[in-house]
Amino acid sequence: MFYGYIIILFDVKFRYVIALGISLILGNFIYELFLSVINTKDIIDAIYGLAGCLLSFIYLALLKKYGLILN
């Protein structure tokens, strides 16, 4: 969420936040389901990661729409 917040503060297009979120979700699912490096394969962790990314995305979308006022 930190990088998305910085992107929004610099008034970059919101599609970059969307691309960042999708890449984090895909990376999380690939790591949780297919890689077993210092990790056990667990679909529940992948779903919790998805939920966390979606909550962060909703927060950033609301922040972009209602929270920032240009001077």
C-alpha atoms as a PDB file:
ATOM      1  CA  MET A   1       0.000   0.000   0.000  1.00  0.00           C
ATOM      2  CA  PHE A   2       2.943   2.329   0.616  1.00  0.00           C
ATOM      3  CA  TYR A   3       3.950   2.437  -3.046  1.00  0.00           C
ATOM      4  CA  GLY A   4       0.356   3.002  -4.136  1.00  0.00           C
ATOM      5  CA  TYR A   5       0.090   5.892  -1.685  1.00  0.00           C
ATOM      6  CA  ILE A   6       3.271   7.478  -3.040  1.00  0.00           C
ATOM      7  CA  ILE A   7       2.032   7.028  -6.612  1.00  0.00           C
ATOM      8  CA  ILE A   8      -1.239   8.772  -5.728  1.00  0.00           C
ATOM      9  CA  LEU A   9       0.583  11.630  -3.973  1.00  0.00           C
ATOM     10  CA  PHE A  10       2.615  12.292  -7.107  1.00  0.00           C
ATOM     11  CA  ASP A  11      -0.655  12.427  -9.099  1.00  0.00           C
ATOM     12  CA  VAL A  12       0.267   9.574 -11.415  1.00  0.00           C
ATOM     13  CA  LYS A  13      -2.524   7.822 -13.315  1.00  0.00           C
ATOM     14  CA  PHE A  14      -4.509   5.364 -11.204  1.00  0.00           C
ATOM     15  CA  ARG A  15      -3.940   2.579 -13.729  1.00  0.00           C
ATOM     16  CA  TYR A  16      -0.393   2.247 -12.357  1.00  0.00           C
ATOM     17  CA  VAL A  17      -1.859   1.512  -8.922  1.00  0.00           C
ATOM     18  CA  ILE A  18      -4.093  -1.086 -10.587  1.00  0.00           C
ATOM     19  CA  ALA A  19      -1.096  -2.636 -12.368  1.00  0.00           C
ATOM     20  CA  LEU A  20       0.862  -2.702  -9.103  1.00  0.00           C
ATOM     21  CA  GLY A  21      -2.016  -4.393  -7.286  1.00  0.00           C
ATOM     22  CA  ILE A  22      -2.484  -7.017  -9.998  1.00  0.00           C
ATOM     23  CA  SER A  23       1.224  -7.798 -10.029  1.00  0.00           C
ATOM     24  CA  LEU A  24       1.244  -8.178  -6.219  1.00  0.00           C
ATOM     25  CA  ILE A  25      -1.783 -10.484  -6.328  1.00  0.00           C
ATOM     26  CA  LEU A  26      -0.276 -12.614  -9.100  1.00  0.00           C
ATOM     27  CA  GLY A  27       3.078 -12.764  -7.336  1.00  0.00           C
ATOM     28  CA  ASN A  28       1.391 -13.795  -4.105  1.00  0.00           C
ATOM     29  CA  PHE A  29      -0.572 -16.594  -5.780  1.00  0.00           C
ATOM     30  CA  ILE A  30       2.481 -17.841  -7.677  1.00  0.00           C
ATOM     31  CA  TYR A  31       4.555 -17.875  -4.502  1.00  0.00           C
ATOM     32  CA  GLU A  32       1.893 -19.471  -2.315  1.00  0.00           C
ATOM     33  CA  LEU A  33       0.784 -22.140  -4.784  1.00  0.00           C
ATOM     34  CA  PHE A  34       3.810 -23.054  -6.888  1.00  0.00           C
ATOM     35  CA  LEU A  35       7.013 -22.151  -5.018  1.00  0.00           C
ATOM     36  CA  SER A  36       7.978 -23.980  -1.890  1.00  0.00           C
ATOM     37  CA  VAL A  37      11.106 -22.019  -0.974  1.00  0.00           C
ATOM     38  CA  ILE A  38      10.952 -21.551   2.818  1.00  0.00           C
ATOM     39  CA  ASN A  39       7.183 -21.855   2.479  1.00  0.00           C
ATOM     40  CA  THR A  40       4.470 -24.471   2.504  1.00  0.00           C
ATOM     41  CA  LYS A  41       1.939 -24.401  -0.305  1.00  0.00           C
ATOM     42  CA  ASP A  42      -1.191 -22.916   1.225  1.00  0.00           C
ATOM     43  CA  ILE A  43      -4.273 -21.622  -0.602  1.00  0.00           C
ATOM     44  CA  ILE A  44      -5.595 -19.953   2.569  1.00  0.00           C
ATOM     45  CA  ASP A  45      -2.555 -17.649   2.752  1.00  0.00           C
ATOM     46  CA  ALA A  46      -3.054 -16.777  -0.905  1.00  0.00           C
ATOM     47  CA  ILE A  47      -6.689 -15.871  -0.255  1.00  0.00           C
ATOM     48  CA  TYR A  48      -5.743 -13.723   2.749  1.00  0.00           C
ATOM     49  CA  GLY A  49      -3.149 -11.988   0.572  1.00  0.00           C
ATOM     50  CA  LEU A  50      -5.833 -11.341  -2.035  1.00  0.00           C
ATOM     51  CA  ALA A  51      -8.140  -9.906   0.635  1.00  0.00           C
ATOM     52  CA  GLY A  52      -5.376  -7.634   1.917  1.00  0.00           C
ATOM     53  CA  CYS A  53      -4.590  -6.364  -1.576  1.00  0.00           C
ATOM     54  CA  LEU A  54      -8.268  -5.727  -2.291  1.00  0.00           C
ATOM     55  CA  LEU A  55      -8.724  -3.794   0.960  1.00  0.00           C
ATOM     56  CA  SER A  56      -5.658  -1.701   0.170  1.00  0.00           C
ATOM     57  CA  PHE A  57      -6.934  -1.091  -3.350  1.00  0.00           C
ATOM     58  CA  ILE A  58     -10.338   0.047  -2.059  1.00  0.00           C
ATOM     59  CA  TYR A  59      -8.641   2.395   0.404  1.00  0.00           C
ATOM     60  CA  LEU A  60      -6.424   3.870  -2.313  1.00  0.00           C
ATOM     61  CA  ALA A  61      -9.375   4.260  -4.707  1.00  0.00           C
ATOM     62  CA  LEU A  62     -11.352   6.148  -2.059  1.00  0.00           C
ATOM     63  CA  LEU A  63      -8.301   8.227  -1.195  1.00  0.00           C
ATOM     64  CA  LYS A  64      -7.820   9.144  -4.841  1.00  0.00           C
ATOM     65  CA  LYS A  65     -11.477  10.069  -5.314  1.00  0.00           C
ATOM     66  CA  TYR A  66     -12.327  11.848  -2.056  1.00  0.00           C
ATOM     67  CA  GLY A  67      -9.178  12.375  -0.030  1.00  0.00           C
ATOM     68  CA  LEU A  68      -6.849  14.478  -2.133  1.00  0.00           C
ATOM     69  CA  ILE A  69      -7.611  18.101  -2.899  1.00  0.00           C
ATOM     70  CA  LEU A  70      -5.379  19.871  -5.384  1.00  0.00           C
ATOM     71  CA  ASN A  71      -4.270  23.370  -4.419  1.00  0.00           C
END
